[in-house]
Amino acid sequence: MSQNEKELEKRSKRMLKLFTMAAESGMKFGDFKGPIPAFSKWLNGKIISAKRGEVLIEFEVRAEMANPTGLLHGGMQCAMMDDTIGVMTVTLGYEGFLISIDFHVDYLGKVKVGEKVKVKGKMVREGRNIVHAIAEIYNMENELIATSNSNLLKTSYTPEIVKAVDNGL
């Protein structure tokens, strides 16, 4: 195993430990005191489970996330899936940020304000420069609400959360 691979594995394990502690405590992103993006805090998801390349996050649908009919807005569905994929990419252990270069969504069902959803983000293929990922939204009865897929480009930008984890957060 190369030094780079060892660092990748070490960073991934540290991030997974942080996510596991958050899941076990029931902490939501809005409660995190570390360098979490403001939009992730606003969405206020709660990590249910995490392993390298896969996360499950629960979100509560709030009134400000609804379309005029009182259902979860399509843009919010997209945001939840994109954010979940973003969280999943951190579990991969890369120092650099992965940026979406495309994002495709299929809307298949509906969710009302006050209900909760589970969003699963999963890495499908990990290439040298591009990671392909999918996300799926399920209601609490495990009915599929929406699916997405995205390609993400590895960059050299180091996000604050990675810096914090590397410095012993």
Foldseek 3Di string as FASTA:
>chain_A
DDPVVVQQQVQLVLLQVVLVVQQVVQAWLLPDPFPDDPVSNVQGWGWNHAAQFKTKIKGAAAQVQDDPVQWRDPVVVQVVQVVRQQSNVSSSRDQFGWAWPDKDKDFDAIDGHGFMKMKMKGFDDDDPFKTKIKMWIAGPVRDTGMIMITIIGGDPHGDRVSVCSVVPD
